[in-house]
Amino acid sequence: MDIKILGTGCPKCKALEKNTREALEELGIAADIEKVTEINKIMEYDIMFTPGLVIDGEVKSSGKVLDKDEIKKLITEANK
């Protein structure tokens, strides 16, 4: 599983990364997590607001910090 956190390093972006790592740990799923901080690369995902969460190339969320349970649901759906 490939997960990208889109954002310039703001507190919301860091919170999303933390929640994502915790969700993966609770689910026992291994994934590569990449932080995408370059504006040009973030724009390639066609999101208007950060932070963004991309799972296996598909944008799952943008503009808000998802909690662990929301992220776990998205990871479980993508892992089927």
N, C-alpha and C. Protein backbone atom coordinates (compact mmCIF):
# COMPACT_ATOMS: atom_id res chain seq x y z
N MET A 1 0.85 -1.17 0.00
CA MET A 1 0.00 0.00 0.00
C MET A 1 0.89 1.23 0.00
N ASP A 2 0.52 2.20 -0.81
CA ASP A 2 1.29 3.43 -0.94
C ASP A 2 0.41 4.60 -0.48
N ILE A 3 0.87 5.32 0.53
CA ILE A 3 0.10 6.44 1.07
C ILE A 3 0.94 7.71 0.97
N LYS A 4 0.29 8.77 0.52
CA LYS A 4 0.96 10.07 0.44
C LYS A 4 0.17 11.08 1.27
N ILE A 5 0.92 11.87 2.04
CA ILE A 5 0.35 12.98 2.79
C ILE A 5 0.74 14.24 2.02
N LEU A 6 -0.24 14.97 1.53
CA LEU A 6 0.03 16.17 0.75
C LEU A 6 -0.08 17.39 1.65
N GLY A 7 0.98 18.17 1.69
CA GLY A 7 0.96 19.39 2.50
C GLY A 7 2.34 19.96 2.67
N THR A 8 2.38 21.24 3.02
CA THR A 8 3.66 21.95 3.10
C THR A 8 4.35 21.82 4.44
N GLY A 9 3.77 21.07 5.37
CA GLY A 9 4.40 20.87 6.66
C GLY A 9 3.71 21.64 7.78
N CYS A 10 2.51 22.10 7.53
CA CYS A 10 1.74 22.83 8.54
C CYS A 10 1.30 21.88 9.66
N PRO A 11 0.84 22.40 10.79
CA PRO A 11 0.39 21.54 11.89
C PRO A 11 -0.71 20.55 11.48
N LYS A 12 -1.62 20.96 10.61
CA LYS A 12 -2.68 20.04 10.16
C LYS A 12 -2.10 18.89 9.36
N CYS A 13 -1.10 19.18 8.53
CA CYS A 13 -0.46 18.13 7.74
C CYS A 13 0.25 17.13 8.64
N LYS A 14 0.92 17.64 9.67
CA LYS A 14 1.62 16.78 10.60
C LYS A 14 0.64 15.93 11.40
N ALA A 15 -0.51 16.51 11.76
CA ALA A 15 -1.52 15.77 12.50
C ALA A 15 -2.10 14.64 11.64
N LEU A 16 -2.32 14.92 10.35
CA LEU A 16 -2.84 13.88 9.45
C LEU A 16 -1.83 12.75 9.31
N GLU A 17 -0.56 13.09 9.20
CA GLU A 17 0.47 12.05 9.10
C GLU A 17 0.49 11.19 10.37
N LYS A 18 0.44 11.84 11.53
CA LYS A 18 0.45 11.12 12.81
C LYS A 18 -0.75 10.19 12.91
N ASN A 19 -1.93 10.68 12.58
CA ASN A 19 -3.14 9.86 12.64
C ASN A 19 -3.07 8.70 11.66
N THR A 20 -2.48 8.93 10.50
CA THR A 20 -2.35 7.88 9.49
C THR A 20 -1.41 6.78 9.98
N ARG A 21 -0.28 7.17 10.53
CA ARG A 21 0.68 6.18 11.06
C ARG A 21 0.04 5.36 12.18
N GLU A 22 -0.70 6.03 13.07
CA GLU A 22 -1.35 5.32 14.17
C GLU A 22 -2.44 4.37 13.66
N ALA A 23 -3.19 4.81 12.64
CA ALA A 23 -4.23 3.95 12.07
C ALA A 23 -3.62 2.70 11.46
N LEU A 24 -2.53 2.86 10.73
CA LEU A 24 -1.85 1.71 10.12
C LEU A 24 -1.34 0.75 11.18
N GLU A 25 -0.78 1.31 12.24
CA GLU A 25 -0.25 0.47 13.32
C GLU A 25 -1.38 -0.33 13.98
N GLU A 26 -2.51 0.33 14.24
CA GLU A 26 -3.64 -0.35 14.88
C GLU A 26 -4.21 -1.45 13.99
N LEU A 27 -4.19 -1.20 12.67
CA LEU A 27 -4.70 -2.20 11.73
C LEU A 27 -3.69 -3.31 11.45
N GLY A 28 -2.43 -3.07 11.77
CA GLY A 28 -1.39 -4.05 11.49
C GLY A 28 -1.07 -4.15 10.01
N ILE A 29 -1.22 -3.04 9.30
CA ILE A 29 -0.97 -3.01 7.86
C ILE A 29 0.31 -2.23 7.59
N ALA A 30 1.17 -2.80 6.78
CA ALA A 30 2.40 -2.12 6.38
C ALA A 30 2.12 -1.27 5.15
N ALA A 31 2.67 -0.07 5.15
CA ALA A 31 2.48 0.82 4.00
C ALA A 31 3.67 1.75 3.90
N ASP A 32 3.94 2.17 2.68
CA ASP A 32 4.94 3.21 2.46
C ASP A 32 4.23 4.54 2.59
N ILE A 33 4.73 5.40 3.49
CA ILE A 33 4.15 6.73 3.67
C ILE A 33 5.14 7.76 3.16
N GLU A 34 4.68 8.59 2.25
CA GLU A 34 5.52 9.64 1.67
C GLU A 34 4.88 10.98 1.95
N LYS A 35 5.68 11.92 2.43
CA LYS A 35 5.19 13.28 2.61
C LYS A 35 5.52 14.07 1.34
N VAL A 36 4.51 14.63 0.71
CA VAL A 36 4.69 15.42 -0.50
C VAL A 36 4.54 16.89 -0.10
N THR A 37 5.64 17.64 -0.15
CA THR A 37 5.63 19.01 0.34
C THR A 37 5.80 20.05 -0.77
N GLU A 38 6.22 19.62 -1.95
CA GLU A 38 6.42 20.56 -3.05
C GLU A 38 5.07 20.93 -3.67
N ILE A 39 4.82 22.24 -3.75
CA ILE A 39 3.54 22.73 -4.26
C ILE A 39 3.22 22.17 -5.64
N ASN A 40 4.21 22.12 -6.52
CA ASN A 40 3.96 21.62 -7.88
C ASN A 40 3.49 20.17 -7.88
N LYS A 41 4.08 19.37 -7.02
CA LYS A 41 3.66 17.96 -6.93
C LYS A 41 2.28 17.83 -6.30
N ILE A 42 2.00 18.66 -5.29
CA ILE A 42 0.68 18.64 -4.66
C ILE A 42 -0.39 19.01 -5.69
N MET A 43 -0.09 19.99 -6.53
CA MET A 43 -1.06 20.44 -7.54
C MET A 43 -1.39 19.35 -8.56
N GLU A 44 -0.47 18.40 -8.75
CA GLU A 44 -0.72 17.30 -9.68
C GLU A 44 -1.91 16.45 -9.24
N TYR A 45 -2.23 16.49 -7.94
CA TYR A 45 -3.35 15.70 -7.43
C TYR A 45 -4.67 16.46 -7.48
N ASP A 46 -4.64 17.68 -8.01
CA ASP A 46 -5.84 18.47 -8.26
C ASP A 46 -6.68 18.66 -6.99
N ILE A 47 -6.01 19.01 -5.89
CA ILE A 47 -6.74 19.33 -4.66
C ILE A 47 -6.64 20.84 -4.43
N MET A 48 -7.65 21.40 -3.80
CA MET A 48 -7.68 22.83 -3.55
C MET A 48 -7.10 23.19 -2.18
N PHE A 49 -7.23 22.28 -1.22
CA PHE A 49 -6.79 22.57 0.14
C PHE A 49 -5.97 21.40 0.69
N THR A 50 -4.99 21.74 1.50
CA THR A 50 -4.22 20.72 2.20
C THR A 50 -4.69 20.68 3.64
N PRO A 51 -4.46 19.63 4.36
CA PRO A 51 -3.71 18.45 3.94
C PRO A 51 -4.53 17.53 3.05
N GLY A 52 -3.82 16.73 2.29
CA GLY A 52 -4.47 15.74 1.44
C GLY A 52 -3.98 14.35 1.79
N LEU A 53 -4.86 13.39 1.60
CA LEU A 53 -4.51 11.98 1.84
C LEU A 53 -4.74 11.21 0.55
N VAL A 54 -3.68 10.56 0.07
CA VAL A 54 -3.75 9.78 -1.17
C VAL A 54 -3.39 8.34 -0.83
N ILE A 55 -4.28 7.42 -1.19
CA ILE A 55 -4.03 6.00 -0.96
C ILE A 55 -4.00 5.29 -2.31
N ASP A 56 -2.86 4.66 -2.60
CA ASP A 56 -2.66 3.94 -3.87
C ASP A 56 -3.05 4.80 -5.07
N GLY A 57 -2.61 6.06 -5.06
CA GLY A 57 -2.80 6.94 -6.20
C GLY A 57 -4.15 7.64 -6.26
N GLU A 58 -5.04 7.35 -5.34
CA GLU A 58 -6.38 7.95 -5.36
C GLU A 58 -6.54 8.92 -4.18
N VAL A 59 -6.94 10.16 -4.50
CA VAL A 59 -7.17 11.15 -3.45
C VAL A 59 -8.39 10.73 -2.64
N LYS A 60 -8.19 10.56 -1.34
CA LYS A 60 -9.27 10.13 -0.45
C LYS A 60 -9.82 11.28 0.38
N SER A 61 -9.01 12.32 0.59
CA SER A 61 -9.44 13.43 1.42
C SER A 61 -8.56 14.64 1.13
N SER A 62 -9.15 15.83 1.25
CA SER A 62 -8.35 17.06 1.19
C SER A 62 -9.03 18.14 2.02
N GLY A 63 -8.19 18.98 2.61
CA GLY A 63 -8.69 20.13 3.33
C GLY A 63 -9.09 19.90 4.77
N LYS A 64 -8.89 18.67 5.28
CA LYS A 64 -9.23 18.44 6.68
C LYS A 64 -8.34 17.36 7.27
N VAL A 65 -8.28 17.38 8.59
CA VAL A 65 -7.52 16.35 9.31
C VAL A 65 -8.49 15.25 9.69
N LEU A 66 -8.31 14.09 9.09
CA LEU A 66 -9.15 12.94 9.42
C LEU A 66 -8.68 12.34 10.73
N ASP A 67 -9.63 11.81 11.51
CA ASP A 67 -9.21 11.13 12.73
C ASP A 67 -8.84 9.68 12.39
N LYS A 68 -8.28 8.97 13.37
CA LYS A 68 -7.80 7.61 13.13
C LYS A 68 -8.88 6.70 12.58
N ASP A 69 -10.08 6.79 13.14
CA ASP A 69 -11.16 5.90 12.69
C ASP A 69 -11.54 6.15 11.23
N GLU A 70 -11.57 7.41 10.83
CA GLU A 70 -11.88 7.73 9.43
C GLU A 70 -10.79 7.18 8.51
N ILE A 71 -9.55 7.31 8.92
CA ILE A 71 -8.43 6.82 8.12
C ILE A 71 -8.44 5.30 8.06
N LYS A 72 -8.72 4.66 9.19
CA LYS A 72 -8.78 3.20 9.21
C LYS A 72 -9.83 2.69 8.24
N LYS A 73 -10.98 3.35 8.17
CA LYS A 73 -12.02 2.96 7.24
C LYS A 73 -11.54 3.07 5.79
N LEU A 74 -10.88 4.16 5.45
CA LEU A 74 -10.37 4.36 4.09
C LEU A 74 -9.29 3.33 3.75
N ILE A 75 -8.42 3.03 4.70
CA ILE A 75 -7.35 2.05 4.46
C ILE A 75 -7.96 0.66 4.27
N THR A 76 -8.93 0.32 5.10
CA THR A 76 -9.57 -0.99 5.00
C THR A 76 -10.26 -1.15 3.65
N GLU A 77 -10.96 -0.10 3.20
CA GLU A 77 -11.64 -0.16 1.90
C GLU A 77 -10.63 -0.31 0.77
N ALA A 78 -9.51 0.41 0.86
CA ALA A 78 -8.51 0.34 -0.20
C ALA A 78 -7.74 -0.97 -0.19
N ASN A 79 -7.75 -1.65 0.94
CA ASN A 79 -6.96 -2.88 1.09
C ASN A 79 -7.73 -4.13 0.67
N LYS A 80 -8.98 -3.97 0.22
CA LYS A 80 -9.79 -5.13 -0.17
C LYS A 80 -9.37 -5.67 -1.51
